[in-house]
Protein backbone atom coordinates (compact mmCIF):
# COMPACT_ATOMS: atom_id res chain seq x y z
CA MET A 1 -19.88 -3.46 -15.41
CA PRO A 2 -21.55 -4.84 -18.73
CA GLU A 3 -22.29 -8.58 -18.65
CA ARG A 4 -19.22 -10.89 -18.99
CA GLN A 5 -18.14 -12.62 -22.17
CA ALA A 6 -18.14 -16.50 -21.78
CA GLY A 7 -15.10 -18.12 -23.24
CA SER A 8 -13.19 -14.85 -23.77
CA LYS A 9 -10.03 -16.07 -21.92
CA LYS A 10 -7.28 -18.48 -22.82
CA TRP A 11 -7.11 -21.56 -20.68
CA LYS A 12 -3.54 -22.86 -20.05
CA LEU A 13 -3.36 -26.33 -18.68
CA PHE A 14 -0.19 -27.25 -16.55
CA LYS A 15 1.84 -30.14 -17.60
CA ARG A 16 1.48 -33.12 -15.36
CA ASN A 17 4.38 -34.60 -13.39
CA THR A 18 2.77 -37.89 -12.29
CA GLU A 19 5.90 -39.22 -10.78
CA LEU A 20 6.56 -36.27 -8.43
CA GLU A 21 2.75 -36.26 -7.77
CA THR A 22 2.84 -39.79 -6.43
CA CYS A 23 5.86 -39.15 -4.29
CA LEU A 24 4.30 -36.11 -2.66
CA SER A 25 1.03 -37.81 -2.15
CA SER A 26 2.68 -40.70 -0.40
CA SER A 27 4.96 -38.56 1.63
CA LEU A 28 2.23 -36.11 2.76
CA ASP A 29 -0.67 -38.34 2.79
CA VAL A 30 -2.82 -36.02 0.88
CA SER A 31 -4.51 -36.34 -2.39
CA PRO A 32 -2.73 -36.36 -5.82
CA THR A 33 -5.00 -33.38 -6.86
CA LEU A 34 -3.57 -31.35 -4.10
CA CYS A 35 -0.02 -32.57 -4.95
CA ARG A 36 -0.64 -31.58 -8.57
CA VAL A 37 -1.56 -28.13 -7.50
CA LEU A 38 1.68 -27.76 -5.21
CA ILE A 39 3.74 -28.96 -8.09
CA ASN A 40 2.21 -26.25 -10.33
CA ARG A 41 3.51 -23.85 -7.75
CA GLY A 42 7.06 -24.92 -8.12
CA ILE A 43 7.15 -27.03 -4.98
CA ALA A 44 9.46 -30.12 -5.82
CA SER A 45 9.98 -31.87 -2.49
CA PRO A 46 8.12 -33.09 0.67
CA GLU A 47 10.06 -30.56 2.63
CA GLU A 48 9.07 -27.73 0.56
CA ALA A 49 5.45 -28.82 0.65
CA ARG A 50 5.46 -29.06 4.53
CA GLU A 51 6.90 -25.58 4.85
CA TYR A 52 4.42 -24.06 2.34
CA LEU A 53 1.40 -25.99 3.92
CA SER A 54 2.40 -25.23 7.63
CA PRO A 55 4.02 -21.71 7.82
CA ASP A 56 5.46 -20.95 11.09
CA VAL A 57 6.93 -17.98 12.84
CA SER A 58 10.25 -19.76 13.05
CA ARG A 59 10.60 -18.96 9.45
CA LEU A 60 10.45 -15.24 9.91
CA HIS A 61 13.72 -13.46 9.28
CA ASP A 62 15.50 -11.56 12.07
CA PRO A 63 14.51 -7.83 12.00
CA GLY A 64 18.10 -6.94 12.63
CA LEU A 65 18.82 -7.85 9.02
CA LEU A 66 16.99 -4.44 8.05
CA ASP A 67 19.11 -1.67 7.31
CA HIS A 68 18.98 1.17 9.94
CA ILE A 69 16.86 -0.82 12.15
CA ASP A 70 19.38 -0.40 15.16
CA LEU A 71 19.29 3.40 14.70
CA ALA A 72 15.44 3.36 14.54
CA VAL A 73 15.15 1.30 17.69
CA ASN A 74 17.81 3.24 19.73
CA ARG A 75 16.21 6.60 18.93
CA THR A 76 12.84 5.32 19.79
CA VAL A 77 13.83 3.77 23.08
CA ARG A 78 15.62 6.95 24.02
CA ALA A 79 12.30 8.93 23.22
CA ILE A 80 10.29 6.41 25.38
CA ASN A 81 12.78 6.90 28.33
CA GLN A 82 12.99 10.67 28.23
CA ARG A 83 9.13 10.88 27.70
CA GLU A 84 9.56 12.51 24.41
CA ARG A 85 6.21 12.87 22.48
CA ILE A 86 6.19 10.72 19.31
CA MET A 87 3.99 11.09 16.37
CA VAL A 88 3.13 8.13 14.07
CA HIS A 89 2.54 9.49 10.64
CA GLY A 90 0.56 7.01 8.59
CA ASP A 91 -1.32 6.54 5.36
CA TYR A 92 -5.01 6.22 4.49
CA ASP A 93 -5.33 2.96 2.81
CA VAL A 94 -5.67 -0.38 4.78
CA ASP A 95 -1.91 -1.05 4.89
CA GLY A 96 -1.26 2.45 6.22
CA ILE A 97 -4.17 2.19 8.62
CA THR A 98 -3.19 -1.16 10.18
CA SER A 99 0.60 -0.06 10.22
CA THR A 100 -0.37 3.09 12.11
CA ALA A 101 -2.64 1.14 14.56
CA LEU A 102 0.11 -1.47 15.22
CA LEU A 103 2.81 1.11 15.87
CA VAL A 104 0.44 3.33 18.11
CA ARG A 105 -0.59 0.14 20.16
CA VAL A 106 2.97 -1.10 20.64
CA LEU A 107 4.24 2.40 21.74
CA ARG A 108 1.40 2.76 24.12
CA ALA A 109 2.12 -0.57 25.69
CA LEU A 110 5.82 0.40 26.06
CA GLY A 111 4.64 3.54 27.91
CA SER A 112 5.32 6.04 25.20
CA ASP A 113 3.77 9.49 24.79
CA VAL A 114 2.37 8.84 21.30
CA THR A 115 -0.18 10.40 19.02
CA TRP A 116 -0.91 9.70 15.38
CA TYR A 117 -1.57 11.58 12.15
CA VAL A 118 -2.98 10.45 8.77
CA PRO A 119 -3.26 12.84 5.71
CA HIS A 120 -6.62 13.52 4.10
CA ARG A 121 -6.63 11.79 0.81
CA GLN A 122 -8.32 14.56 -1.20
CA ARG A 123 -6.95 17.52 0.64
CA GLU A 124 -3.29 16.55 1.17
CA GLY A 125 -2.65 13.40 -0.78
CA TYR A 126 -0.16 10.55 -0.07
CA ASP A 127 2.96 10.42 1.85
CA LEU A 128 4.69 12.30 4.77
CA ARG A 129 2.94 15.74 4.53
CA ARG A 130 3.88 19.27 5.79
CA ARG A 131 0.64 19.63 7.59
CA GLY A 132 1.37 16.63 9.62
CA ILE A 133 4.89 17.90 10.46
CA GLU A 134 3.65 21.10 11.49
CA GLU A 135 1.01 19.61 13.81
CA ALA A 136 3.79 17.54 15.24
CA LYS A 137 5.67 20.82 15.94
CA GLN A 138 2.56 22.39 17.53
CA ILE A 139 2.01 19.56 19.93
CA GLY A 140 5.69 19.27 20.74
CA ALA A 141 6.60 16.05 19.16
CA SER A 142 10.39 15.56 18.79
CA LEU A 143 10.19 12.24 16.81
CA ILE A 144 8.11 11.29 13.79
CA ILE A 145 7.86 7.56 12.87
CA THR A 146 6.19 7.05 9.61
CA ALA A 147 4.02 3.92 8.77
CA ASP A 148 3.82 2.88 4.99
CA CYS A 149 5.15 6.13 3.67
CA GLY A 150 8.06 8.50 3.59
CA THR A 151 10.82 6.83 1.43
CA SER A 152 10.52 9.49 -1.36
CA ALA A 153 9.45 12.34 0.93
CA ALA A 154 13.02 14.00 0.74
CA ASP A 155 11.79 17.63 0.99
CA GLU A 156 9.32 16.78 3.95
CA VAL A 157 12.01 15.02 5.83
CA GLU A 158 14.39 18.08 5.40
CA TYR A 159 11.55 20.38 6.62
CA ALA A 160 10.95 18.24 9.80
CA ARG A 161 14.77 18.39 10.44
CA SER A 162 14.72 22.09 10.08
CA LEU A 163 12.07 22.30 12.78
CA GLY A 164 14.13 20.06 15.06
CA ILE A 165 12.14 16.95 14.50
CA ASP A 166 13.78 13.64 13.96
CA VAL A 167 12.22 11.27 11.40
CA ILE A 168 12.39 7.45 11.28
CA VAL A 169 10.70 6.05 8.13
CA THR A 170 9.12 2.70 8.01
CA ASP A 171 7.90 2.01 4.48
CA HIS A 172 7.80 -0.67 1.64
CA HIS A 173 7.32 1.34 -1.61
CA GLU A 174 9.99 1.38 -4.25
CA PRO A 175 12.35 4.31 -4.03
CA GLY A 176 11.57 6.75 -6.76
CA GLY A 177 13.18 10.03 -7.57
CA ARG A 178 15.18 11.49 -4.74
CA ILE A 179 15.35 9.27 -1.82
CA ALA A 180 14.67 10.68 1.60
CA GLU A 181 17.68 10.95 4.17
CA PRO A 182 15.78 10.77 7.70
CA LEU A 183 17.58 9.59 10.84
CA ALA A 184 16.68 5.98 9.87
CA LEU A 185 15.18 4.61 6.68
CA VAL A 186 13.76 1.05 7.37
CA ASN A 187 12.60 -0.19 3.93
CA PRO A 188 13.70 -3.54 2.60
CA ARG A 189 13.37 -2.20 -0.93
CA LYS A 190 16.08 0.41 -0.34
CA PRO A 191 19.02 -0.32 -2.63
CA SER A 192 21.49 -0.64 0.10
CA CYS A 193 19.36 -3.01 2.19
CA ARG A 194 20.26 -6.70 2.20
CA TYR A 195 17.10 -8.05 3.97
CA PRO A 196 16.39 -11.43 2.27
CA PHE A 197 12.64 -10.75 1.62
CA LYS A 198 11.84 -7.60 -0.19
CA ASP A 199 8.01 -7.94 -0.70
CA LEU A 200 6.84 -7.00 2.88
CA ALA A 201 3.80 -4.85 3.03
CA GLY A 202 4.05 -1.59 5.02
CA VAL A 203 2.49 -3.26 7.95
CA GLY A 204 5.03 -6.05 7.66
CA VAL A 205 7.81 -3.57 7.84
CA ALA A 206 6.08 -1.76 10.84
CA PHE A 207 5.82 -5.35 12.51
CA LYS A 208 9.55 -5.87 12.04
CA PHE A 209 10.46 -2.59 13.59
CA ALA A 210 8.08 -3.09 16.47
CA GLU A 211 9.30 -6.56 17.14
CA ALA A 212 12.74 -5.19 17.35
CA LEU A 213 11.75 -2.38 19.58
CA VAL A 214 9.82 -4.92 21.88
CA ARG A 215 12.98 -6.96 22.16
CA ALA A 216 15.16 -3.98 22.87
CA CYS A 217 12.80 -3.00 25.77
CA GLY A 218 13.22 -6.33 27.38
CA TYR A 219 9.83 -8.04 26.42
CA ASN A 220 9.00 -11.45 25.02
CA PRO A 221 8.47 -11.05 21.22
CA LYS A 222 6.33 -14.23 21.27
CA VAL A 223 3.45 -12.43 23.25
CA PHE A 224 3.91 -9.54 20.81
CA ARG A 225 3.27 -11.69 17.81
CA GLN A 226 0.20 -13.24 19.31
CA ARG A 227 -1.22 -9.85 19.82
CA PHE A 228 -0.52 -8.18 16.51
CA LEU A 229 -0.53 -10.78 13.58
CA ASP A 230 -4.33 -10.11 13.02
CA LEU A 231 -3.39 -6.53 11.95
CA VAL A 232 -0.37 -7.71 9.98
CA ALA A 233 -2.74 -10.19 7.98
CA ILE A 234 -5.20 -7.59 7.23
CA GLY A 235 -2.87 -4.99 5.97
CA THR A 236 -0.70 -7.57 4.13
CA ILE A 237 -3.64 -9.17 2.22
CA ALA A 238 -5.36 -5.76 1.52
CA ASP A 239 -2.24 -4.34 0.00
CA VAL A 240 -1.92 -7.05 -2.60
CA VAL A 241 1.69 -7.91 -2.03
CA PRO A 242 2.78 -11.53 -3.01
CA LEU A 243 1.53 -13.89 -0.53
CA LEU A 244 4.76 -15.86 -0.53
CA GLY A 245 7.69 -16.11 1.99
CA GLU A 246 7.21 -14.03 5.12
CA ASN A 247 3.91 -12.63 3.85
CA ARG A 248 2.42 -16.15 3.71
CA VAL A 249 3.49 -16.63 7.35
CA PHE A 250 1.83 -13.30 8.44
CA ALA A 251 -1.26 -13.80 6.28
CA LYS A 252 -1.96 -17.46 7.32
CA LEU A 253 -1.20 -17.21 11.20
CA GLY A 254 -3.00 -13.74 11.20
CA LEU A 255 -6.11 -14.91 9.56
CA GLU A 256 -6.32 -17.61 12.12
CA GLN A 257 -6.20 -14.90 14.93
CA ILE A 258 -8.82 -12.66 13.41
CA SER A 259 -11.92 -14.76 14.33
CA THR A 260 -10.62 -14.92 18.05
CA SER A 261 -9.18 -11.39 18.13
CA THR A 262 -9.24 -9.54 21.57
CA LYS A 263 -9.39 -6.13 19.59
CA ALA A 264 -12.68 -4.42 19.98
CA GLY A 265 -12.62 -2.87 16.49
CA ILE A 266 -11.91 -6.28 14.66
CA ARG A 267 -14.68 -7.91 16.66
CA ALA A 268 -17.08 -5.18 15.74
CA LEU A 269 -16.04 -5.43 11.88
CA LEU A 270 -16.91 -9.31 12.19
CA GLN A 271 -20.35 -8.40 13.72
CA THR A 272 -21.18 -5.85 11.06
CA THR A 273 -20.14 -7.95 8.14
CA GLY A 274 -21.96 -11.18 9.51
CA LEU A 275 -18.56 -13.03 9.77
CA GLU A 276 -18.65 -13.45 13.56
CA GLY A 277 -17.71 -17.09 14.42
CA LYS A 278 -16.62 -17.99 10.98
CA LYS A 279 -13.19 -19.06 9.99
CA ILE A 280 -11.87 -16.04 8.12
CA THR A 281 -10.36 -16.50 4.66
CA SER A 282 -8.57 -14.11 2.43
CA ASN A 283 -11.58 -13.84 0.14
CA MET A 284 -13.85 -12.88 3.18
CA LEU A 285 -11.10 -10.26 4.22
CA GLY A 286 -10.93 -8.87 0.60
CA TYR A 287 -14.66 -8.51 0.04
CA ALA A 288 -15.83 -7.55 3.46
CA ILE A 289 -13.28 -6.29 5.94
CA ALA A 290 -10.74 -4.51 3.80
CA PRO A 291 -13.37 -2.43 1.81
CA ARG A 292 -14.90 -0.97 5.00
CA LEU A 293 -11.62 0.00 6.42
CA ASN A 294 -10.56 1.49 3.06
CA ALA A 295 -14.00 3.34 2.87
CA ALA A 296 -13.15 5.70 5.72
CA GLY A 297 -10.26 7.38 3.71
CA ARG A 298 -11.80 7.02 0.30
CA ILE A 299 -14.86 9.17 1.30
CA ASP A 300 -13.44 11.38 3.99
CA SER A 301 -10.82 11.06 6.71
CA ALA A 302 -9.31 7.74 7.56
CA SER A 303 -9.57 8.59 11.31
CA ALA A 304 -12.58 6.55 12.01
CA ALA A 305 -10.91 3.41 10.78
CA ILE A 306 -7.71 4.03 12.84
CA GLU A 307 -9.79 4.92 15.93
CA LEU A 308 -11.63 1.58 15.44
CA LEU A 309 -8.59 -0.49 15.40
CA LEU A 310 -7.19 1.46 18.51
CA THR A 311 -10.33 1.51 20.76
CA LYS A 312 -10.68 -0.95 23.63
CA ASP A 313 -14.44 -0.10 24.22
CA ASP A 314 -16.91 -2.33 22.55
CA ALA A 315 -19.63 0.24 22.41
CA GLU A 316 -17.32 2.89 20.72
CA ALA A 317 -16.06 0.03 18.32
CA GLY A 318 -19.80 -0.58 17.45
CA ARG A 319 -20.42 3.11 16.61
CA LEU A 320 -17.25 3.39 14.51
CA ALA A 321 -17.92 0.27 12.71
CA GLN A 322 -21.33 1.49 11.63
CA ILE A 323 -19.66 4.84 10.35
CA LEU A 324 -17.47 2.66 8.22
CA GLU A 325 -20.59 0.63 7.05
CA ASP A 326 -22.23 3.97 6.02
CA ARG A 327 -19.22 5.18 4.14
CA ASN A 328 -18.89 1.97 2.43
CA ARG A 329 -22.36 2.22 1.01
CA GLU A 330 -21.54 5.80 -0.07
CA ARG A 331 -18.35 4.36 -1.69
CA GLN A 332 -20.21 1.75 -3.57
CA HIS A 333 -22.66 4.42 -5.10
CA GLU A 334 -19.89 6.65 -6.05
CA GLN A 335 -17.88 3.85 -7.60
CA GLU A 336 -20.78 2.83 -9.79
CA ARG A 337 -21.09 6.34 -11.07
CA ILE A 338 -17.37 6.65 -11.83
CA THR A 339 -17.33 3.19 -13.50
CA GLN A 340 -20.23 4.11 -15.87
CA GLU A 341 -18.56 7.38 -16.94
CA ALA A 342 -15.21 5.61 -17.41
CA LEU A 343 -16.90 3.05 -19.59
CA GLN A 344 -18.45 5.86 -21.65
CA GLN A 345 -14.98 7.35 -22.26
CA ILE A 346 -13.56 3.85 -23.26
CA ALA A 347 -16.34 3.42 -25.91
CA GLY A 348 -14.83 6.32 -27.72
CA ILE A 349 -11.25 4.96 -27.58
CA ALA A 350 -9.67 2.89 -30.23
CA LEU A 351 -8.32 -0.07 -28.01
CA ASP A 352 -6.07 -1.37 -30.68
CA LYS A 353 -4.06 1.73 -30.51
CA PHE A 354 -3.85 2.09 -26.78
CA LYS A 355 -2.46 -0.60 -24.61
CA VAL A 356 -2.67 1.52 -21.56
CA LEU A 357 -6.07 3.09 -20.61
CA VAL A 358 -5.55 6.83 -19.42
CA LEU A 359 -8.85 8.24 -18.32
CA SER A 360 -9.57 11.64 -16.47
CA SER A 361 -12.57 13.59 -15.40
CA TYR A 362 -13.71 16.37 -13.08
CA GLY A 363 -15.78 15.32 -10.27
CA TRP A 364 -14.27 12.06 -9.79
CA ASN A 365 -13.20 11.07 -6.25
CA PRO A 366 -9.52 10.42 -6.16
CA GLY A 367 -10.13 7.80 -3.32
CA ILE A 368 -12.35 5.72 -5.56
CA VAL A 369 -10.59 5.76 -8.92
CA GLY A 370 -8.06 2.97 -7.85
CA ILE A 371 -10.84 0.51 -7.37
CA VAL A 372 -12.44 1.43 -10.74
CA ALA A 373 -8.98 1.10 -12.39
CA THR A 374 -8.75 -2.52 -10.85
CA LYS A 375 -12.26 -3.24 -12.34
CA LEU A 376 -11.13 -1.92 -15.85
CA VAL A 377 -7.96 -3.95 -15.77
CA ASP A 378 -10.05 -7.12 -14.92
CA LYS A 379 -12.45 -6.39 -17.89
CA TYR A 380 -10.08 -5.19 -20.64
CA HIS A 381 -6.76 -6.89 -19.42
CA ARG A 382 -4.62 -3.88 -19.85
CA PRO A 383 -3.19 -1.34 -17.56
CA ALA A 384 -5.47 1.50 -16.48
CA VAL A 385 -4.83 4.89 -15.12
CA LEU A 386 -7.66 7.01 -13.79
CA LEU A 387 -7.16 10.60 -12.82
CA ALA A 388 -9.44 12.70 -10.70
CA LEU A 389 -9.42 16.32 -11.58
CA ASP A 390 -10.51 19.31 -9.50
CA GLU A 391 -11.76 22.72 -10.92
CA ASN A 392 -9.90 24.52 -7.99
CA SER A 393 -6.50 22.91 -8.84
CA GLU A 394 -4.29 22.51 -11.74
CA VAL A 395 -3.01 19.15 -10.44
CA GLY A 396 -4.98 15.81 -11.04
CA VAL A 397 -4.64 13.01 -8.57
CA GLY A 398 -5.07 9.35 -9.61
CA SER A 399 -4.18 5.66 -9.43
CA ALA A 400 -2.71 3.18 -11.79
CA ARG A 401 -3.31 -0.56 -11.88
CA SER A 402 -1.69 -3.17 -14.03
CA ILE A 403 -1.41 -6.60 -15.32
CA GLU A 404 1.23 -9.21 -14.60
CA SER A 405 3.45 -8.47 -17.55
CA PHE A 406 3.56 -4.55 -17.07
CA HIS A 407 5.42 -3.09 -14.14
CA VAL A 408 3.34 -0.02 -13.69
CA PHE A 409 5.78 1.82 -11.29
CA ASP A 410 8.71 1.51 -13.55
CA ALA A 411 6.60 2.67 -16.52
CA LEU A 412 5.56 5.69 -14.42
CA MET A 413 9.10 6.45 -13.71
CA ARG A 414 10.02 6.45 -17.23
CA CYS A 415 7.25 9.19 -17.66
CA GLY A 416 8.50 11.04 -14.46
CA HIS A 417 9.45 14.22 -16.28
CA LEU A 418 5.53 14.59 -16.89
CA LEU A 419 4.59 13.91 -13.38
CA GLU A 420 4.45 15.89 -10.13
CA ARG A 421 4.98 12.82 -8.01
CA CYS A 422 4.44 9.05 -7.95
CA GLY A 423 4.80 6.00 -5.82
CA GLY A 424 3.85 2.43 -5.78
CA HIS A 425 5.02 -0.94 -7.01
CA ALA A 426 4.69 -3.59 -9.69
CA LYS A 427 0.88 -3.68 -10.01
CA ALA A 428 -0.46 -0.60 -8.39
CA ALA A 429 0.73 3.01 -8.06
CA GLY A 430 -0.53 6.45 -7.10
CA LEU A 431 0.36 9.66 -9.12
CA SER A 432 -0.28 13.35 -9.41
CA ILE A 433 0.07 15.32 -12.64
CA MET A 434 -0.70 18.73 -14.20
CA ALA A 435 -3.91 18.47 -15.89
CA CYS A 436 -2.41 20.15 -19.02
CA ARG A 437 0.07 17.31 -19.27
CA ILE A 438 -2.44 14.46 -19.42
CA ASN A 439 -2.53 13.98 -23.20
CA ASP A 440 1.35 14.07 -23.43
CA PHE A 441 1.50 11.43 -20.46
CA GLN A 442 -1.10 9.11 -22.34
CA VAL A 443 1.24 9.18 -25.37
CA ALA A 444 4.39 8.59 -23.23
CA ILE A 445 3.00 5.71 -21.17
CA ASN A 446 1.72 3.90 -24.20
CA GLN A 447 4.94 4.28 -25.89
CA VAL A 448 6.52 2.36 -23.05
CA ALA A 449 3.71 -0.18 -23.29
CA ASP A 450 4.49 -0.62 -26.99
CA GLU A 451 8.01 -1.50 -26.05
CA VAL A 452 7.11 -3.94 -23.13
CA LEU A 453 3.71 -5.47 -24.19
CA THR A 454 2.77 -7.89 -26.85
CA GLU A 455 -0.64 -8.56 -28.17
CA SER A 456 -0.68 -11.85 -26.50
CA ASP A 457 -0.04 -10.14 -23.17
CA LEU A 458 -3.40 -8.38 -23.60
CA ILE A 459 -5.25 -11.63 -23.88
CA PRO A 460 -6.55 -12.73 -20.41
CA GLN A 461 -5.31 -16.07 -19.46
CA ILE A 462 -6.41 -18.63 -16.78
CA GLU A 463 -3.85 -21.13 -15.49
CA VAL A 464 -5.64 -24.45 -14.98
CA ASP A 465 -4.26 -26.79 -12.43
CA ALA A 466 -6.06 -30.02 -13.45
CA GLU A 467 -9.00 -31.63 -15.19
CA LEU A 468 -11.70 -33.21 -12.96
CA GLU A 469 -14.85 -34.90 -13.59
CA PRO A 470 -17.83 -32.91 -11.68
CA GLY A 471 -18.24 -35.89 -9.24
CA GLU A 472 -14.68 -35.48 -8.16
CA VAL A 473 -15.52 -32.20 -6.62
CA THR A 474 -16.04 -33.52 -3.08
CA ILE A 475 -16.08 -31.93 0.43
CA ASP A 476 -12.91 -33.68 1.16
CA LEU A 477 -11.25 -32.09 -1.66
CA ALA A 478 -12.57 -28.62 -0.87
CA ARG A 479 -11.31 -28.96 2.71
CA GLU A 480 -7.84 -30.18 1.57
CA LEU A 481 -7.53 -27.12 -0.84
CA GLN A 482 -8.06 -24.88 2.18
CA LEU A 483 -4.65 -25.91 3.13
CA LEU A 484 -3.21 -23.66 0.35
CA GLU A 485 -4.88 -20.57 1.88
CA PRO A 486 -4.49 -17.75 1.99
CA PHE A 487 -5.09 -16.91 -1.70
CA GLY A 488 -4.09 -13.76 -3.39
CA TYR A 489 -1.50 -12.01 -5.41
CA GLY A 490 1.41 -14.71 -5.77
CA ASN A 491 -0.55 -17.56 -4.56
CA ARG A 492 -3.48 -17.67 -6.75
CA GLU A 493 -6.50 -19.92 -5.93
CA PRO A 494 -6.34 -23.19 -7.68
CA VAL A 495 -8.42 -23.55 -11.01
CA PHE A 496 -9.98 -26.64 -12.62
CA VAL A 497 -11.66 -27.53 -15.67
CA SER A 498 -14.55 -30.17 -16.33
CA ARG A 499 -15.05 -30.97 -20.18
CA GLY A 500 -18.48 -31.89 -21.37
CA ALA A 501 -20.16 -31.23 -18.13
CA VAL A 502 -23.93 -31.86 -18.59
CA VAL A 503 -26.33 -29.22 -17.07
CA THR A 504 -29.23 -30.97 -15.36
CA ASP A 505 -30.89 -28.03 -13.73
CA LYS A 506 -30.37 -24.30 -13.15
CA THR A 507 -31.80 -21.15 -11.62
CA ARG A 508 -31.04 -17.46 -11.32
CA VAL A 509 -30.38 -16.36 -7.79
CA GLY A 510 -29.33 -13.07 -5.99
CA THR A 511 -30.65 -9.59 -6.43
CA ASN A 512 -32.32 -9.17 -9.76
CA GLY A 513 -31.07 -12.70 -10.69
CA ALA A 514 -27.59 -11.44 -10.94
CA HIS A 515 -26.06 -14.97 -10.32
CA LEU A 516 -26.55 -18.35 -11.78
CA LYS A 517 -26.71 -21.64 -9.98
CA MET A 518 -26.45 -25.00 -11.83
CA TRP A 519 -26.41 -28.78 -11.14
CA LEU A 520 -24.33 -30.90 -13.24
CA LEU A 521 -24.52 -34.57 -14.10
CA THR A 522 -21.89 -36.81 -12.55
CA SER A 523 -21.07 -40.70 -12.61
CA TYR A 524 -21.48 -40.78 -8.97
CA GLY A 525 -25.32 -40.54 -8.76
CA ARG A 526 -25.57 -37.13 -7.12
CA PRO A 527 -25.36 -33.90 -8.91
CA ALA A 528 -22.57 -31.44 -8.43
CA GLU A 529 -23.39 -27.70 -7.73
CA CYS A 530 -21.99 -24.81 -9.62
CA ILE A 531 -22.38 -21.15 -8.91
CA GLY A 532 -21.61 -18.37 -11.17
CA PHE A 533 -21.41 -15.00 -9.59
CA GLY A 534 -22.32 -12.32 -12.17
CA TRP A 535 -23.43 -14.82 -14.69
CA GLY A 536 -27.10 -14.47 -14.42
CA GLU A 537 -27.31 -12.81 -17.80
CA MET A 538 -25.54 -15.65 -19.47
CA GLU A 539 -28.14 -18.21 -18.51
CA THR A 540 -29.03 -19.03 -22.03
CA LEU A 541 -25.49 -20.50 -22.52
CA PHE A 542 -26.31 -23.28 -20.20
CA ARG A 543 -29.29 -25.11 -21.66
CA ILE A 544 -30.52 -28.16 -19.58
CA GLY A 545 -29.18 -31.29 -21.15
CA SER A 546 -26.39 -29.52 -22.99
CA ALA A 547 -22.71 -30.13 -22.50
CA VAL A 548 -20.38 -27.26 -21.61
CA ASP A 549 -16.72 -26.83 -20.59
CA LEU A 550 -16.38 -25.29 -17.29
CA CYS A 551 -13.42 -23.48 -15.65
CA TYR A 552 -13.74 -23.01 -11.82
CA ASN A 553 -12.47 -22.80 -8.37
CA ILE A 554 -13.57 -25.12 -5.59
CA ARG A 555 -14.69 -23.76 -2.28
CA LEU A 556 -16.58 -24.88 0.79
CA ASN A 557 -20.20 -23.54 0.99
CA GLU A 558 -21.69 -23.09 4.43
CA PHE A 559 -25.39 -22.82 4.76
CA ASN A 560 -27.50 -23.32 7.94
CA GLY A 561 -24.59 -25.05 9.59
CA ALA A 562 -24.01 -27.63 6.88
CA GLN A 563 -21.00 -27.63 4.56
CA MET A 564 -20.82 -28.63 0.86
CA ALA A 565 -18.35 -28.43 -1.92
CA GLN A 566 -19.17 -25.95 -4.61
CA MET A 567 -17.77 -25.18 -8.00
CA VAL A 568 -17.45 -21.41 -8.42
CA LEU A 569 -17.53 -20.57 -12.28
CA GLN A 570 -14.74 -18.60 -13.66
CA ASP A 571 -15.33 -19.12 -17.27
CA ALA A 572 -17.31 -21.33 -19.77
CA ARG A 573 -17.54 -22.34 -23.18
CA GLY A 574 -19.03 -24.82 -25.61
CA SER A 575 -17.85 -28.47 -25.23
CA ASP A 576 -14.91 -29.69 -27.34
CA SER A 577 -13.13 -26.49 -26.93
CA ILE A 578 -9.30 -26.39 -27.49
CA ILE A 579 -6.89 -25.05 -24.88
CA SER A 580 -3.22 -24.29 -24.76
CA ASP A 581 -0.64 -26.60 -23.17
CA PRO A 582 2.18 -25.13 -21.12
CA LEU A 583 4.40 -25.20 -24.13
CA GLY A 584 2.15 -23.14 -26.22
CA GLY A 585 0.82 -25.84 -28.48
CA GLN A 586 -2.87 -26.89 -28.72
CA SER A 587 -4.24 -29.86 -26.87
CA ARG A 588 -7.63 -31.21 -26.05
CA PHE A 589 -8.57 -31.95 -22.62
CA LEU A 590 -7.64 -35.67 -22.18
């Protein structure tokens, strides 16, 4: 991507509630700053705060509340008891991979004759596929259990039924078009389902089904949770579902299990990523673990990733982890090529006329366009749809990514007459479309955007939790803020500002000086350290002795066994800038 633009975002400072802040700080024995962050997330009592800061499995809902769960469990128990062969049919992204691995591991532990199948992204595409059903028939499977797919695969479910194969769907995607009618459809988003938490990832639904199955077979669900929350955390965080409610419990407790996981594949991933022995955060999972698991299905088959999560052999795990490492490097090179080509296309687009970017090209890898779409959304702060075209097919396959104020799946459904198929949720979706319809689709989805989005929606905004003096960025505060982990969609990382921060020193670091490290004057005698990832080219903005307004996260930085608090730059501008208050007026930092 081209260099970033400093000060291009709107900073919105939350209104302060000092009375509630003091109450929470006294009751919880934590700093007022942490309490201010909690209040900004809608927490208004000590009880709510304790529940948020200390998620517990006791707060998970009963799987029995899921529609069709009894049908699914009873049919699976019968298959296990009668030694029927079962196929778990998954998906090729991290959510699908972890869902598949979890169900296969549980079914094996229960004595099932189980195999698995995941479609090839480029040759078959997403969802329950005919090739997988035909393979199930060939190997004598009489039951297919889907993982992270199947809700809208109505034709495929009927095809399986015609072959004498029962289908149980476990999925979390929004139903679109004709909903499948399998033996059991376990999906909290199904219109008739009254499950109280709708935002589970696919692996969360698989976990619920597996927990109910384990109980029905007479085993202790507590032992089950201890063994599988690591997989649930990986899939949940990687799939960018809101990290609230049950997802927060899964993510928080699962992250704690990852560093001590007994699974050979997870241990191998930690070794190859240099994370062995470290406390794993959502950020680490997002930039190190998830991309490697995803790389398998983006470049070729996802089989290596699933085999990695299933193997019990350390040597085999090491071999498979290296395969993923190689594929991830290949993915990075391919991603850079597609990104540059996409940017060239955007250079010829009148952005004032198109609120949704629709880009397509022959030679793009359909497994990578989603990552590039995410990068473009971050850069241009507008929805992006990237379509990979194939000279041997009339149908293009692609991914859509969106901003907070534009529900991209709903928008795609409004353009459904132009699409071959689509699936997804508010911020991410997959689709396929005839190449000859792309221009009409571009017009149609932008008409939807014109109805939904205002110009202000296209201005990126940073929600600021509090103003601090650089000297207030301490190791104690950094450690305290870790209580809010895991961060992600629905639970953003806290953001702070410092006005008139004086730069005392600076240096460019990283490959080709891509990053910028600065030291800031404080009233406490010691300088505060700030790192700007990707800010190397903006070095001239930060003159030694000059004052700047900084917008940043606070993280713990570990180096040579020592820890220190570090400001991680998100945005910057000349001092005495003006920001918006929560009511939309203008107010200086005070």
